[in-house]
Structure formats: C-alpha cells, structure tokens
Amino acid sequence: MCIGIPGQIIEIIESAQRIAQVDISGRLRTVDLGLLSPDESAVGDWVLVHAGLAVSRMDADEAYRTLALLRELDEFGKEEQP
C-alpha cells in the first residue's frame, strides 16, 4: 500500500529541474514537482507527496481533511500498542 501526504509548497528552489521546498506537517522537505504541470505547482499550492514526488495538486480543504485523518490514525495506532 502506498500513502501520499499533503504538503504546501513554500518555495520553488530549482525552477528548471522543478524542485521545491514543501512543508509537510511542519517539516520542510525537498520535493520533485516534475509529475505536475507548471500551472499546478506555485508557491502556496497544496500537493500530495509520495516518495519525494508531488503526484497531484489538491485544494486546501482536502489537504486539511486528509491531515486530520492521518492524525486520527496516528492516535489510534498509539492506543493499540501495549
């Protein structure tokens, strides 16, 4: 199973290579934007990140809902551990 994590583009650091700094839950990650068209990858946009690649653009509401669900899953997993 693969999982993508929402992140917000903070800075385009290499426009020719389409590399950006993306804030993923408070941590900056270097992400390849090459799978997205240039109009889908501006500073402030939300993207779904998997294995260092932005695989799709998403709206802010969807990003916040997804992050909330991931936090719930994390808490659920902590409750299940002995």
PDB file of N, CA and C in Angstrom:
ATOM      1  N   MET A   1       0.847  -1.176   0.000  1.00  0.00           N
ATOM      2  CA  MET A   1       0.000   0.000   0.000  1.00  0.00           C
ATOM      3  C   MET A   1       0.892   1.239   0.000  1.00  0.00           C
ATOM      4  N   CYS A   2       0.496   2.218  -0.757  1.00  0.00           N
ATOM      5  CA  CYS A   2       1.219   3.487  -0.813  1.00  0.00           C
ATOM      6  C   CYS A   2       0.370   4.564  -0.162  1.00  0.00           C
ATOM      7  N   ILE A   3       1.042   5.535   0.424  1.00  0.00           N
ATOM      8  CA  ILE A   3       0.313   6.632   1.037  1.00  0.00           C
ATOM      9  C   ILE A   3       0.956   7.939   0.606  1.00  0.00           C
ATOM     10  N   GLY A   4       0.124   8.905   0.323  1.00  0.00           N
ATOM     11  CA  GLY A   4       0.584  10.243  -0.006  1.00  0.00           C
ATOM     12  C   GLY A   4       0.245  11.175   1.142  1.00  0.00           C
ATOM     13  N   ILE A   5       1.103  12.126   1.386  1.00  0.00           N
ATOM     14  CA  ILE A   5       0.931  13.074   2.477  1.00  0.00           C
ATOM     15  C   ILE A   5       0.780  14.478   1.889  1.00  0.00           C
ATOM     16  N   PRO A   6      -0.231  15.233   2.326  1.00  0.00           N
ATOM     17  CA  PRO A   6      -0.375  16.603   1.835  1.00  0.00           C
ATOM     18  C   PRO A   6       0.759  17.495   2.330  1.00  0.00           C
ATOM     19  N   GLY A   7       1.205  18.374   1.462  1.00  0.00           N
ATOM     20  CA  GLY A   7       2.206  19.366   1.820  1.00  0.00           C
ATOM     21  C   GLY A   7       1.958  20.646   1.044  1.00  0.00           C
ATOM     22  N   GLN A   8       2.409  21.756   1.598  1.00  0.00           N
ATOM     23  CA  GLN A   8       2.226  23.047   0.951  1.00  0.00           C
ATOM     24  C   GLN A   8       3.556  23.545   0.412  1.00  0.00           C
ATOM     25  N   ILE A   9       3.548  23.961  -0.850  1.00  0.00           N
ATOM     26  CA  ILE A   9       4.768  24.463  -1.487  1.00  0.00           C
ATOM     27  C   ILE A   9       5.146  25.794  -0.838  1.00  0.00           C
ATOM     28  N   ILE A  10       6.352  25.850  -0.298  1.00  0.00           N
ATOM     29  CA  ILE A  10       6.860  27.042   0.373  1.00  0.00           C
ATOM     30  C   ILE A  10       7.753  27.853  -0.569  1.00  0.00           C
ATOM     31  N   GLU A  11       8.542  27.137  -1.380  1.00  0.00           N
ATOM     32  CA  GLU A  11       9.493  27.812  -2.251  1.00  0.00           C
ATOM     33  C   GLU A  11       9.848  26.896  -3.418  1.00  0.00           C
ATOM     34  N   ILE A  12       9.941  27.468  -4.602  1.00  0.00           N
ATOM     35  CA  ILE A  12      10.487  26.740  -5.750  1.00  0.00           C
ATOM     36  C   ILE A  12      11.990  27.007  -5.719  1.00  0.00           C
ATOM     37  N   ILE A  13      12.781  25.962  -5.470  1.00  0.00           N
ATOM     38  CA  ILE A  13      14.218  26.189  -5.303  1.00  0.00           C
ATOM     39  C   ILE A  13      15.004  25.959  -6.593  1.00  0.00           C
ATOM     40  N   GLU A  14      14.467  25.170  -7.506  1.00  0.00           N
ATOM     41  CA  GLU A  14      15.097  24.926  -8.807  1.00  0.00           C
ATOM     42  C   GLU A  14      13.988  24.892  -9.848  1.00  0.00           C
ATOM     43  N   SER A  15      13.740  26.022 -10.486  1.00  0.00           N
ATOM     44  CA  SER A  15      12.617  26.064 -11.436  1.00  0.00           C
ATOM     45  C   SER A  15      12.877  25.194 -12.664  1.00  0.00           C
ATOM     46  N   ALA A  16      14.093  25.140 -13.160  1.00  0.00           N
ATOM     47  CA  ALA A  16      14.390  24.328 -14.349  1.00  0.00           C
ATOM     48  C   ALA A  16      14.204  22.837 -14.068  1.00  0.00           C
ATOM     49  N   GLN A  17      14.649  22.384 -12.900  1.00  0.00           N
ATOM     50  CA  GLN A  17      14.509  20.970 -12.531  1.00  0.00           C
ATOM     51  C   GLN A  17      13.187  20.684 -11.825  1.00  0.00           C
ATOM     52  N   ARG A  18      12.415  21.734 -11.542  1.00  0.00           N
ATOM     53  CA  ARG A  18      11.097  21.619 -10.898  1.00  0.00           C
ATOM     54  C   ARG A  18      11.207  20.991  -9.506  1.00  0.00           C
ATOM     55  N   ILE A  19      12.060  21.580  -8.678  1.00  0.00           N
ATOM     56  CA  ILE A  19      12.285  21.136  -7.304  1.00  0.00           C
ATOM     57  C   ILE A  19      11.779  22.222  -6.359  1.00  0.00           C
ATOM     58  N   ALA A  20      11.105  21.799  -5.286  1.00  0.00           N
ATOM     59  CA  ALA A  20      10.530  22.765  -4.346  1.00  0.00           C
ATOM     60  C   ALA A  20      10.791  22.348  -2.905  1.00  0.00           C
ATOM     61  N   GLN A  21      10.705  23.343  -2.016  1.00  0.00           N
ATOM     62  CA  GLN A  21      10.644  23.075  -0.582  1.00  0.00           C
ATOM     63  C   GLN A  21       9.156  23.015  -0.231  1.00  0.00           C
ATOM     64  N   VAL A  22       8.765  21.943   0.412  1.00  0.00           N
ATOM     65  CA  VAL A  22       7.360  21.714   0.749  1.00  0.00           C
ATOM     66  C   VAL A  22       7.254  21.489   2.251  1.00  0.00           C
ATOM     67  N   ASP A  23       6.299  22.165   2.861  1.00  0.00           N
ATOM     68  CA  ASP A  23       6.033  21.999   4.291  1.00  0.00           C
ATOM     69  C   ASP A  23       5.065  20.834   4.455  1.00  0.00           C
ATOM     70  N   ILE A  24       5.570  19.768   5.076  1.00  0.00           N
ATOM     71  CA  ILE A  24       4.756  18.591   5.350  1.00  0.00           C
ATOM     72  C   ILE A  24       4.662  18.450   6.859  1.00  0.00           C
ATOM     73  N   SER A  25       3.526  18.857   7.399  1.00  0.00           N
ATOM     74  CA  SER A  25       3.285  18.790   8.848  1.00  0.00           C
ATOM     75  C   SER A  25       4.389  19.461   9.651  1.00  0.00           C
ATOM     76  N   GLY A  26       4.809  20.631   9.194  1.00  0.00           N
ATOM     77  CA  GLY A  26       5.797  21.403   9.933  1.00  0.00           C
ATOM     78  C   GLY A  26       7.242  21.091   9.614  1.00  0.00           C
ATOM     79  N   ARG A  27       7.476  20.138   8.743  1.00  0.00           N
ATOM     80  CA  ARG A  27       8.845  19.795   8.342  1.00  0.00           C
ATOM     81  C   ARG A  27       9.038  20.131   6.878  1.00  0.00           C
ATOM     82  N   LEU A  28      10.155  20.789   6.570  1.00  0.00           N
ATOM     83  CA  LEU A  28      10.456  21.123   5.183  1.00  0.00           C
ATOM     84  C   LEU A  28      11.101  19.933   4.502  1.00  0.00           C
ATOM     85  N   ARG A  29      10.581  19.621   3.332  1.00  0.00           N
ATOM     86  CA  ARG A  29      11.099  18.515   2.530  1.00  0.00           C
ATOM     87  C   ARG A  29      11.381  19.021   1.120  1.00  0.00           C
ATOM     88  N   THR A  30      12.385  18.474   0.507  1.00  0.00           N
ATOM     89  CA  THR A  30      12.665  18.758  -0.890  1.00  0.00           C
ATOM     90  C   THR A  30      11.836  17.795  -1.723  1.00  0.00           C
ATOM     91  N   VAL A  31      11.041  18.350  -2.647  1.00  0.00           N
ATOM     92  CA  VAL A  31      10.085  17.542  -3.408  1.00  0.00           C
ATOM     93  C   VAL A  31      10.240  17.838  -4.893  1.00  0.00           C
ATOM     94  N   ASP A  32      10.187  16.787  -5.695  1.00  0.00           N
ATOM     95  CA  ASP A  32      10.240  16.891  -7.153  1.00  0.00           C
ATOM     96  C   ASP A  32       8.824  17.167  -7.665  1.00  0.00           C
ATOM     97  N   LEU A  33       8.668  18.260  -8.404  1.00  0.00           N
ATOM     98  CA  LEU A  33       7.367  18.644  -8.963  1.00  0.00           C
ATOM     99  C   LEU A  33       7.198  18.195 -10.409  1.00  0.00           C
ATOM    100  N   GLY A  34       8.109  17.393 -10.910  1.00  0.00           N
ATOM    101  CA  GLY A  34       8.145  17.028 -12.320  1.00  0.00           C
ATOM    102  C   GLY A  34       6.909  16.325 -12.848  1.00  0.00           C
ATOM    103  N   LEU A  35       6.119  15.676 -11.998  1.00  0.00           N
ATOM    104  CA  LEU A  35       4.916  14.996 -12.458  1.00  0.00           C
ATOM    105  C   LEU A  35       3.741  15.949 -12.656  1.00  0.00           C
ATOM    106  N   LEU A  36       3.875  17.190 -12.177  1.00  0.00           N
ATOM    107  CA  LEU A  36       2.805  18.179 -12.292  1.00  0.00           C
ATOM    108  C   LEU A  36       3.121  19.157 -13.412  1.00  0.00           C
ATOM    109  N   SER A  37       2.083  19.710 -14.007  1.00  0.00           N
ATOM    110  CA  SER A  37       2.319  20.762 -14.991  1.00  0.00           C
ATOM    111  C   SER A  37       2.712  22.033 -14.243  1.00  0.00           C
ATOM    112  N   PRO A  38       3.445  22.920 -14.880  1.00  0.00           N
ATOM    113  CA  PRO A  38       3.905  24.142 -14.187  1.00  0.00           C
ATOM    114  C   PRO A  38       2.773  24.969 -13.571  1.00  0.00           C
ATOM    115  N   ASP A  39       1.583  24.955 -14.172  1.00  0.00           N
ATOM    116  CA  ASP A  39       0.476  25.723 -13.603  1.00  0.00           C
ATOM    117  C   ASP A  39      -0.139  25.048 -12.378  1.00  0.00           C
ATOM    118  N   GLU A  40       0.288  23.833 -12.049  1.00  0.00           N
ATOM    119  CA  GLU A  40      -0.199  23.124 -10.866  1.00  0.00           C
ATOM    120  C   GLU A  40       0.777  23.203  -9.693  1.00  0.00           C
ATOM    121  N   SER A  41       1.785  24.044  -9.795  1.00  0.00           N
ATOM    122  CA  SER A  41       2.832  23.979  -8.781  1.00  0.00           C
ATOM    123  C   SER A  41       3.418  25.357  -8.466  1.00  0.00           C
ATOM    124  N   ALA A  42       2.613  26.204  -7.866  1.00  0.00           N
ATOM    125  CA  ALA A  42       3.068  27.532  -7.461  1.00  0.00           C
ATOM    126  C   ALA A  42       3.215  27.582  -5.941  1.00  0.00           C
ATOM    127  N   VAL A  43       4.013  28.522  -5.468  1.00  0.00           N
ATOM    128  CA  VAL A  43       4.156  28.726  -4.030  1.00  0.00           C
ATOM    129  C   VAL A  43       2.762  28.932  -3.428  1.00  0.00           C
ATOM    130  N   GLY A  44       2.505  28.226  -2.335  1.00  0.00           N
ATOM    131  CA  GLY A  44       1.211  28.301  -1.664  1.00  0.00           C
ATOM    132  C   GLY A  44       0.270  27.169  -2.025  1.00  0.00           C
ATOM    133  N   ASP A  45       0.522  26.490  -3.144  1.00  0.00           N
ATOM    134  CA  ASP A  45      -0.328  25.367  -3.549  1.00  0.00           C
ATOM    135  C   ASP A  45      -0.100  24.165  -2.635  1.00  0.00           C
ATOM    136  N   TRP A  46      -1.126  23.359  -2.493  1.00  0.00           N
ATOM    137  CA  TRP A  46      -1.047  22.098  -1.763  1.00  0.00           C
ATOM    138  C   TRP A  46      -0.870  20.975  -2.760  1.00  0.00           C
ATOM    139  N   VAL A  47       0.017  20.037  -2.431  1.00  0.00           N
ATOM    140  CA  VAL A  47       0.280  18.883  -3.287  1.00  0.00           C
ATOM    141  C   VAL A  47       0.274  17.617  -2.444  1.00  0.00           C
ATOM    142  N   LEU A  48      -0.011  16.508  -3.096  1.00  0.00           N
ATOM    143  CA  LEU A  48       0.050  15.206  -2.452  1.00  0.00           C
ATOM    144  C   LEU A  48       1.420  14.619  -2.758  1.00  0.00           C
ATOM    145  N   VAL A  49       2.195  14.306  -1.707  1.00  0.00           N
ATOM    146  CA  VAL A  49       3.593  13.883  -1.859  1.00  0.00           C
ATOM    147  C   VAL A  49       3.731  12.405  -1.503  1.00  0.00           C
ATOM    148  N   HIS A  50       4.393  11.682  -2.395  1.00  0.00           N
ATOM    149  CA  HIS A  50       4.715  10.275  -2.146  1.00  0.00           C
ATOM    150  C   HIS A  50       6.147  10.042  -2.600  1.00  0.00           C
ATOM    151  N   ALA A  51       6.973   9.548  -1.704  1.00  0.00           N
ATOM    152  CA  ALA A  51       8.367   9.181  -2.011  1.00  0.00           C
ATOM    153  C   ALA A  51       9.137  10.327  -2.661  1.00  0.00           C
ATOM    154  N   GLY A  52       8.923  11.533  -2.166  1.00  0.00           N
ATOM    155  CA  GLY A  52       9.667  12.682  -2.663  1.00  0.00           C
ATOM    156  C   GLY A  52       9.140  13.296  -3.944  1.00  0.00           C
ATOM    157  N   LEU A  53       8.010  12.793  -4.424  1.00  0.00           N
ATOM    158  CA  LEU A  53       7.397  13.296  -5.652  1.00  0.00           C
ATOM    159  C   LEU A  53       6.023  13.874  -5.354  1.00  0.00           C
ATOM    160  N   ALA A  54       5.736  15.038  -5.913  1.00  0.00           N
ATOM    161  CA  ALA A  54       4.377  15.580  -5.850  1.00  0.00           C
ATOM    162  C   ALA A  54       3.588  14.864  -6.939  1.00  0.00           C
ATOM    163  N   VAL A  55       2.614  14.064  -6.541  1.00  0.00           N
ATOM    164  CA  VAL A  55       1.878  13.248  -7.518  1.00  0.00           C
ATOM    165  C   VAL A  55       0.593  13.915  -7.994  1.00  0.00           C
ATOM    166  N   SER A  56       0.074  14.881  -7.233  1.00  0.00           N
ATOM    167  CA  SER A  56      -1.105  15.624  -7.669  1.00  0.00           C
ATOM    168  C   SER A  56      -1.242  16.890  -6.842  1.00  0.00           C
ATOM    169  N   ARG A  57      -2.002  17.825  -7.374  1.00  0.00           N
ATOM    170  CA  ARG A  57      -2.332  19.051  -6.654  1.00  0.00           C
ATOM    171  C   ARG A  57      -3.646  18.800  -5.930  1.00  0.00           C
ATOM    172  N   MET A  58      -3.831  19.435  -4.786  1.00  0.00           N
ATOM    173  CA  MET A  58      -5.079  19.286  -4.048  1.00  0.00           C
ATOM    174  C   MET A  58      -5.482  20.634  -3.471  1.00  0.00           C
ATOM    175  N   ASP A  59      -6.784  20.800  -3.205  1.00  0.00           N
ATOM    176  CA  ASP A  59      -7.197  22.072  -2.617  1.00  0.00           C
ATOM    177  C   ASP A  59      -6.943  22.044  -1.112  1.00  0.00           C
ATOM    178  N   ALA A  60      -6.932  23.214  -0.505  1.00  0.00           N
ATOM    179  CA  ALA A  60      -6.591  23.349   0.914  1.00  0.00           C
ATOM    180  C   ALA A  60      -7.552  22.571   1.808  1.00  0.00           C
ATOM    181  N   ASP A  61      -8.844  22.599   1.502  1.00  0.00           N
ATOM    182  CA  ASP A  61      -9.814  21.872   2.328  1.00  0.00           C
ATOM    183  C   ASP A  61      -9.531  20.373   2.340  1.00  0.00           C
ATOM    184  N   GLU A  62      -9.259  19.825   1.169  1.00  0.00           N
ATOM    185  CA  GLU A  62      -8.940  18.400   1.087  1.00  0.00           C
ATOM    186  C   GLU A  62      -7.648  18.089   1.849  1.00  0.00           C
ATOM    187  N   ALA A  63      -6.671  18.970   1.745  1.00  0.00           N
ATOM    188  CA  ALA A  63      -5.404  18.772   2.453  1.00  0.00           C
ATOM    189  C   ALA A  63      -5.625  18.751   3.965  1.00  0.00           C
ATOM    190  N   TYR A  64      -6.385  19.711   4.476  1.00  0.00           N
ATOM    191  CA  TYR A  64      -6.642  19.764   5.920  1.00  0.00           C
ATOM    192  C   TYR A  64      -7.428  18.543   6.392  1.00  0.00           C
ATOM    193  N   ARG A  65      -8.409  18.102   5.613  1.00  0.00           N
ATOM    194  CA  ARG A  65      -9.178  16.902   5.988  1.00  0.00           C
ATOM    195  C   ARG A  65      -8.277  15.670   6.020  1.00  0.00           C
ATOM    196  N   THR A  66      -7.417  15.553   5.030  1.00  0.00           N
ATOM    197  CA  THR A  66      -6.510  14.409   4.963  1.00  0.00           C
ATOM    198  C   THR A  66      -5.532  14.417   6.138  1.00  0.00           C
ATOM    199  N   LEU A  67      -4.975  15.583   6.447  1.00  0.00           N
ATOM    200  CA  LEU A  67      -4.057  15.684   7.591  1.00  0.00           C
ATOM    201  C   LEU A  67      -4.757  15.326   8.900  1.00  0.00           C
ATOM    202  N   ALA A  68      -6.003  15.762   9.056  1.00  0.00           N
ATOM    203  CA  ALA A  68      -6.759  15.424  10.265  1.00  0.00           C
ATOM    204  C   ALA A  68      -6.968  13.910  10.367  1.00  0.00           C
ATOM    205  N   LEU A  69      -7.297  13.269   9.259  1.00  0.00           N
ATOM    206  CA  LEU A  69      -7.479  11.812   9.275  1.00  0.00           C
ATOM    207  C   LEU A  69      -6.177  11.091   9.594  1.00  0.00           C
ATOM    208  N   LEU A  70      -5.076  11.571   9.060  1.00  0.00           N
ATOM    209  CA  LEU A  70      -3.786  10.945   9.358  1.00  0.00           C
ATOM    210  C   LEU A  70      -3.428  11.094  10.837  1.00  0.00           C
ATOM    211  N   ARG A  71      -3.748  12.244  11.431  1.00  0.00           N
ATOM    212  CA  ARG A  71      -3.503  12.419  12.871  1.00  0.00           C
ATOM    213  C   ARG A  71      -4.372  11.461  13.681  1.00  0.00           C
ATOM    214  N   GLU A  72      -5.625  11.277  13.265  1.00  0.00           N
ATOM    215  CA  GLU A  72      -6.505  10.324  13.957  1.00  0.00           C
ATOM    216  C   GLU A  72      -5.944   8.912  13.880  1.00  0.00           C
ATOM    217  N   LEU A  73      -5.466   8.521  12.712  1.00  0.00           N
ATOM    218  CA  LEU A  73      -4.880   7.192  12.557  1.00  0.00           C
ATOM    219  C   LEU A  73      -3.653   7.021  13.442  1.00  0.00           C
ATOM    220  N   ASP A  74      -2.845   8.063  13.535  1.00  0.00           N
ATOM    221  CA  ASP A  74      -1.668   8.009  14.388  1.00  0.00           C
ATOM    222  C   ASP A  74      -2.067   7.808  15.849  1.00  0.00           C
ATOM    223  N   GLU A  75      -3.061   8.551  16.295  1.00  0.00           N
ATOM    224  CA  GLU A  75      -3.527   8.407  17.674  1.00  0.00           C
ATOM    225  C   GLU A  75      -4.132   7.023  17.909  1.00  0.00           C
ATOM    226  N   PHE A  76      -4.879   6.526  16.944  1.00  0.00           N
ATOM    227  CA  PHE A  76      -5.463   5.199  17.063  1.00  0.00           C
ATOM    228  C   PHE A  76      -4.369   4.146  17.191  1.00  0.00           C
ATOM    229  N   GLY A  77      -3.320   4.274  16.382  1.00  0.00           N
ATOM    230  CA  GLY A  77      -2.213   3.330  16.447  1.00  0.00           C
ATOM    231  C   GLY A  77      -1.505   3.348  17.783  1.00  0.00           C
ATOM    232  N   LYS A  78      -1.403   4.515  18.407  1.00  0.00           N
ATOM    233  CA  LYS A  78      -0.767   4.626  19.714  1.00  0.00           C
ATOM    234  C   LYS A  78      -1.610   3.954  20.781  1.00  0.00           C
ATOM    235  N   GLU A  79      -2.934   4.042  20.666  1.00  0.00           N
ATOM    236  CA  GLU A  79      -3.828   3.422  21.634  1.00  0.00           C
ATOM    237  C   GLU A  79      -3.763   1.899  21.563  1.00  0.00           C
ATOM    238  N   GLU A  80      -3.505   1.362  20.363  1.00  0.00           N
ATOM    239  CA  GLU A  80      -3.489  -0.078  20.153  1.00  0.00           C
ATOM    240  C   GLU A  80      -2.212  -0.734  20.651  1.00  0.00           C
ATOM    241  N   GLN A  81      -1.140   0.015  20.837  1.00  0.00           N
ATOM    242  CA  GLN A  81       0.120  -0.569  21.267  1.00  0.00           C
ATOM    243  C   GLN A  81       0.064  -0.904  22.752  1.00  0.00           C
ATOM    244  N   PRO A  82       0.663  -2.065  23.127  1.00  0.00           N
ATOM    245  CA  PRO A  82       0.649  -2.459  24.552  1.00  0.00           C
ATOM    246  C   PRO A  82       1.562  -1.591  25.406  1.00  0.00           C
TER     247      PRO A  82
END
